[in-house]
Amino acid sequence: MPSLLAVDLGLRTGLALYGANGRLRRYGSHNFGSVARLRRGVAAVLADADDPAWLYIEGGGPLADIWAREAERCGIAVRLVSAETWRAALLYQREQRHGEQAKRVADALARRVIVWSGAPRPTALRHDTAEAILVGLWGVLDVGWLERVPEDLRRR
């Protein structure tokens, strides 16, 4: 079954893997520590991602280029997405006024995605991982694996 890997870009990278049913399979954070280690490690992350059909990357620039080149070499479709794009689709405008507020709301929503998906609950959830989870949620909506944000994830 194909999967979608979402990446919150950085030397400390948030990762979220979704199945074609639109549910989060696993998530975490990886500290590459340097560009050289990231360059060497991307292939292993992609190989461990259970047949990824899509790679969604939040961010751009040289680090995104490393991910995109390796994904394309493996036949994985790549989509770059800005934080503003997925936040506009998943958060209310009032929740995006300040970066710190948006991160707090993203953390709470990511935790709901984890519960809804039946994924193991985190002992701690780093902001890069929470954002990767939401980039991935936006990605599964974008590719059509989910038609809309599930009711259990909507805020009242």
C-alpha atoms as a PDB file:
ATOM      1  CA  MET A   1       0.000   0.000   0.000  1.00  0.00           C
ATOM      2  CA  PRO A   2       1.490   3.402  -0.917  1.00  0.00           C
ATOM      3  CA  SER A   3       2.343   5.955   1.717  1.00  0.00           C
ATOM      4  CA  LEU A   4       2.927   9.670   2.015  1.00  0.00           C
ATOM      5  CA  LEU A   5       5.900  11.010   3.928  1.00  0.00           C
ATOM      6  CA  ALA A   6       5.701  14.547   5.292  1.00  0.00           C
ATOM      7  CA  VAL A   7       8.829  16.413   6.339  1.00  0.00           C
ATOM      8  CA  ASP A   8       9.185  19.578   8.399  1.00  0.00           C
ATOM      9  CA  LEU A   9      12.516  20.648   6.963  1.00  0.00           C
ATOM     10  CA  GLY A  10      15.622  21.336   9.002  1.00  0.00           C
ATOM     11  CA  LEU A  11      18.726  19.673  10.338  1.00  0.00           C
ATOM     12  CA  ARG A  12      16.343  18.557  13.076  1.00  0.00           C
ATOM     13  CA  THR A  13      13.622  17.156  10.852  1.00  0.00           C
ATOM     14  CA  GLY A  14      10.049  16.312  11.782  1.00  0.00           C
ATOM     15  CA  LEU A  15       8.686  13.251   9.984  1.00  0.00           C
ATOM     16  CA  ALA A  16       5.156  11.877   9.592  1.00  0.00           C
ATOM     17  CA  LEU A  17       4.184   8.818   7.574  1.00  0.00           C
ATOM     18  CA  TYR A  18       0.600   8.367   6.360  1.00  0.00           C
ATOM     19  CA  GLY A  19      -1.060   5.374   4.730  1.00  0.00           C
ATOM     20  CA  ALA A  20      -3.366   5.548   1.717  1.00  0.00           C
ATOM     21  CA  ASN A  21      -6.321   5.367   4.141  1.00  0.00           C
ATOM     22  CA  GLY A  22      -5.340   8.887   5.239  1.00  0.00           C
ATOM     23  CA  ARG A  23      -4.294   7.866   8.734  1.00  0.00           C
ATOM     24  CA  LEU A  24      -0.992   8.563  10.418  1.00  0.00           C
ATOM     25  CA  ARG A  25       1.120   5.416  10.705  1.00  0.00           C
ATOM     26  CA  ARG A  26       4.169   6.770  12.502  1.00  0.00           C
ATOM     27  CA  TYR A  27       5.888  10.011  13.336  1.00  0.00           C
ATOM     28  CA  GLY A  28       9.025  11.322  14.932  1.00  0.00           C
ATOM     29  CA  SER A  29      11.974  13.637  14.735  1.00  0.00           C
ATOM     30  CA  HIS A  30      15.474  13.034  13.454  1.00  0.00           C
ATOM     31  CA  ASN A  31      18.448  15.245  14.241  1.00  0.00           C
ATOM     32  CA  PHE A  32      20.837  15.017  11.302  1.00  0.00           C
ATOM     33  CA  GLY A  33      23.173  17.568  12.899  1.00  0.00           C
ATOM     34  CA  SER A  34      24.842  18.682   9.675  1.00  0.00           C
ATOM     35  CA  VAL A  35      24.070  19.047   5.993  1.00  0.00           C
ATOM     36  CA  ALA A  36      26.553  16.269   5.185  1.00  0.00           C
ATOM     37  CA  ARG A  37      24.796  13.835   7.541  1.00  0.00           C
ATOM     38  CA  LEU A  38      21.397  14.875   6.154  1.00  0.00           C
ATOM     39  CA  ARG A  39      22.641  14.254   2.609  1.00  0.00           C
ATOM     40  CA  ARG A  40      23.809  10.770   3.615  1.00  0.00           C
ATOM     41  CA  GLY A  41      20.692   9.999   5.697  1.00  0.00           C
ATOM     42  CA  VAL A  42      17.825  10.995   3.399  1.00  0.00           C
ATOM     43  CA  ALA A  43      18.004   7.796   1.334  1.00  0.00           C
ATOM     44  CA  ALA A  44      17.660   5.662   4.484  1.00  0.00           C
ATOM     45  CA  VAL A  45      14.658   7.666   5.704  1.00  0.00           C
ATOM     46  CA  LEU A  46      12.935   7.281   2.335  1.00  0.00           C
ATOM     47  CA  ALA A  47      13.745   3.550   2.199  1.00  0.00           C
ATOM     48  CA  ASP A  48      12.211   3.100   5.653  1.00  0.00           C
ATOM     49  CA  ALA A  49       8.989   4.879   4.637  1.00  0.00           C
ATOM     50  CA  ASP A  50       6.968   1.867   3.398  1.00  0.00           C
ATOM     51  CA  ASP A  51       6.722   2.461  -0.358  1.00  0.00           C
ATOM     52  CA  PRO A  52       6.210   6.241  -0.386  1.00  0.00           C
ATOM     53  CA  ALA A  53       4.330   7.549  -3.401  1.00  0.00           C
ATOM     54  CA  TRP A  54       4.493  11.150  -2.174  1.00  0.00           C
ATOM     55  CA  LEU A  55       6.940  13.329  -0.286  1.00  0.00           C
ATOM     56  CA  TYR A  56       5.517  16.580   1.092  1.00  0.00           C
ATOM     57  CA  ILE A  57       8.148  19.026   2.299  1.00  0.00           C
ATOM     58  CA  GLU A  58       7.461  22.149   4.344  1.00  0.00           C
ATOM     59  CA  GLY A  59      10.091  24.624   3.330  1.00  0.00           C
ATOM     60  CA  GLY A  60      12.496  25.130   0.480  1.00  0.00           C
ATOM     61  CA  GLY A  61      16.086  25.942  -0.361  1.00  0.00           C
ATOM     62  CA  PRO A  62      19.180  23.725  -0.334  1.00  0.00           C
ATOM     63  CA  LEU A  63      17.854  21.266   2.278  1.00  0.00           C
ATOM     64  CA  ALA A  64      14.643  20.753   0.299  1.00  0.00           C
ATOM     65  CA  ASP A  65      16.736  20.198  -2.818  1.00  0.00           C
ATOM     66  CA  ILE A  66      18.554  17.311  -1.096  1.00  0.00           C
ATOM     67  CA  TRP A  67      15.245  15.622  -0.197  1.00  0.00           C
ATOM     68  CA  ALA A  68      13.693  16.303  -3.611  1.00  0.00           C
ATOM     69  CA  ARG A  69      16.647  14.947  -5.610  1.00  0.00           C
ATOM     70  CA  GLU A  70      16.727  11.710  -3.633  1.00  0.00           C
ATOM     71  CA  ALA A  71      12.945  11.280  -3.791  1.00  0.00           C
ATOM     72  CA  GLU A  72      12.869  11.867  -7.533  1.00  0.00           C
ATOM     73  CA  ARG A  73      15.723   9.369  -7.968  1.00  0.00           C
ATOM     74  CA  CYS A  74      13.497   6.840  -6.149  1.00  0.00           C
ATOM     75  CA  GLY A  75      10.429   7.692  -8.258  1.00  0.00           C
ATOM     76  CA  ILE A  76       8.629   9.504  -5.444  1.00  0.00           C
ATOM     77  CA  ALA A  77       6.487  12.524  -6.344  1.00  0.00           C
ATOM     78  CA  VAL A  78       7.565  15.655  -4.448  1.00  0.00           C
ATOM     79  CA  ARG A  79       5.487  18.608  -3.353  1.00  0.00           C
ATOM     80  CA  LEU A  80       6.869  21.654  -1.557  1.00  0.00           C
ATOM     81  CA  VAL A  81       4.382  23.381   0.699  1.00  0.00           C
ATOM     82  CA  SER A  82       4.632  26.509   2.807  1.00  0.00           C
ATOM     83  CA  ALA A  83       3.449  26.684   6.402  1.00  0.00           C
ATOM     84  CA  GLU A  84       1.004  29.389   5.321  1.00  0.00           C
ATOM     85  CA  THR A  85      -0.645  26.986   2.862  1.00  0.00           C
ATOM     86  CA  TRP A  86      -1.347  24.112   5.233  1.00  0.00           C
ATOM     87  CA  ARG A  87      -2.166  26.457   8.125  1.00  0.00           C
ATOM     88  CA  ALA A  88      -4.780  28.247   5.997  1.00  0.00           C
ATOM     89  CA  ALA A  89      -6.466  24.902   5.318  1.00  0.00           C
ATOM     90  CA  LEU A  90      -6.287  23.444   8.835  1.00  0.00           C
ATOM     91  CA  LEU A  91      -6.254  26.357  11.293  1.00  0.00           C
ATOM     92  CA  TYR A  92      -8.600  29.255  11.833  1.00  0.00           C
ATOM     93  CA  GLN A  93      -7.269  32.674  10.850  1.00  0.00           C
ATOM     94  CA  ARG A  94      -7.336  33.812  14.492  1.00  0.00           C
ATOM     95  CA  GLU A  95      -5.057  30.866  15.378  1.00  0.00           C
ATOM     96  CA  GLN A  96      -2.369  32.041  12.957  1.00  0.00           C
ATOM     97  CA  ARG A  97      -1.818  35.617  14.132  1.00  0.00           C
ATOM     98  CA  HIS A  98       1.382  34.804  16.008  1.00  0.00           C
ATOM     99  CA  GLY A  99       3.929  32.105  15.309  1.00  0.00           C
ATOM    100  CA  GLU A 100       3.946  30.869  18.903  1.00  0.00           C
ATOM    101  CA  GLN A 101       0.152  30.643  18.953  1.00  0.00           C
ATOM    102  CA  ALA A 102       0.124  28.743  15.634  1.00  0.00           C
ATOM    103  CA  LYS A 103       2.678  26.256  17.023  1.00  0.00           C
ATOM    104  CA  ARG A 104       0.570  25.691  20.164  1.00  0.00           C
ATOM    105  CA  VAL A 105      -2.594  25.088  18.111  1.00  0.00           C
ATOM    106  CA  ALA A 106      -0.648  22.841  15.706  1.00  0.00           C
ATOM    107  CA  ASP A 107       0.546  20.752  18.658  1.00  0.00           C
ATOM    108  CA  ALA A 108      -3.025  20.242  19.909  1.00  0.00           C
ATOM    109  CA  LEU A 109      -4.322  19.345  16.442  1.00  0.00           C
ATOM    110  CA  ALA A 110      -1.410  16.964  15.818  1.00  0.00           C
ATOM    111  CA  ARG A 111      -2.247  15.179  19.070  1.00  0.00           C
ATOM    112  CA  ARG A 112      -5.850  14.752  17.871  1.00  0.00           C
ATOM    113  CA  VAL A 113      -4.556  13.306  14.572  1.00  0.00           C
ATOM    114  CA  ILE A 114      -2.460  10.806  16.547  1.00  0.00           C
ATOM    115  CA  VAL A 115      -5.479   9.679  18.582  1.00  0.00           C
ATOM    116  CA  TRP A 116      -7.795   9.584  15.534  1.00  0.00           C
ATOM    117  CA  SER A 117      -5.245   7.495  13.633  1.00  0.00           C
ATOM    118  CA  GLY A 118      -4.701   5.044  16.469  1.00  0.00           C
ATOM    119  CA  ALA A 119      -0.969   5.772  16.425  1.00  0.00           C
ATOM    120  CA  PRO A 120       1.017   5.385  19.669  1.00  0.00           C
ATOM    121  CA  ARG A 121       0.689   8.449  21.872  1.00  0.00           C
ATOM    122  CA  PRO A 122       3.847  10.494  22.356  1.00  0.00           C
ATOM    123  CA  THR A 123       5.623  11.009  25.635  1.00  0.00           C
ATOM    124  CA  ALA A 124       6.760  14.338  24.186  1.00  0.00           C
ATOM    125  CA  LEU A 125       5.869  15.932  20.869  1.00  0.00           C
ATOM    126  CA  ARG A 126       8.418  18.293  19.349  1.00  0.00           C
ATOM    127  CA  HIS A 127       7.053  21.193  17.299  1.00  0.00           C
ATOM    128  CA  ASP A 128       8.844  19.964  14.158  1.00  0.00           C
ATOM    129  CA  THR A 129       7.083  16.611  14.474  1.00  0.00           C
ATOM    130  CA  ALA A 130       3.695  18.226  15.143  1.00  0.00           C
ATOM    131  CA  GLU A 131       4.101  20.368  12.056  1.00  0.00           C
ATOM    132  CA  ALA A 132       5.145  17.354   9.952  1.00  0.00           C
ATOM    133  CA  ILE A 133       1.963  15.583  11.105  1.00  0.00           C
ATOM    134  CA  LEU A 134      -0.114  18.523   9.894  1.00  0.00           C
ATOM    135  CA  VAL A 135       1.809  18.878   6.626  1.00  0.00           C
ATOM    136  CA  GLY A 136       1.007  15.204   6.091  1.00  0.00           C
ATOM    137  CA  LEU A 137      -2.665  15.694   6.942  1.00  0.00           C
ATOM    138  CA  TRP A 138      -2.803  18.490   4.384  1.00  0.00           C
ATOM    139  CA  GLY A 139      -0.986  16.203   1.946  1.00  0.00           C
ATOM    140  CA  VAL A 140      -3.472  13.333   2.238  1.00  0.00           C
ATOM    141  CA  LEU A 141      -6.256  15.848   1.627  1.00  0.00           C
ATOM    142  CA  ASP A 142      -4.342  17.277  -1.346  1.00  0.00           C
ATOM    143  CA  VAL A 143      -3.806  13.878  -3.018  1.00  0.00           C
ATOM    144  CA  GLY A 144      -7.400  12.832  -2.318  1.00  0.00           C
ATOM    145  CA  TRP A 145      -6.779  10.053   0.208  1.00  0.00           C
ATOM    146  CA  LEU A 146      -9.196  11.948   2.476  1.00  0.00           C
ATOM    147  CA  GLU A 147     -12.040  14.039   1.067  1.00  0.00           C
ATOM    148  CA  ARG A 148     -12.120  16.448   4.015  1.00  0.00           C
ATOM    149  CA  VAL A 149     -10.806  16.881   7.523  1.00  0.00           C
ATOM    150  CA  PRO A 150     -12.452  14.103   9.557  1.00  0.00           C
ATOM    151  CA  GLU A 151     -15.175  15.184  12.012  1.00  0.00           C
ATOM    152  CA  ASP A 152     -13.160  13.867  14.970  1.00  0.00           C
ATOM    153  CA  LEU A 153     -10.427  16.393  14.138  1.00  0.00           C
ATOM    154  CA  ARG A 154     -12.660  19.425  13.688  1.00  0.00           C
ATOM    155  CA  ARG A 155     -12.710  21.920  16.511  1.00  0.00           C
ATOM    156  CA  ARG A 156     -16.021  23.065  17.870  1.00  0.00           C
END
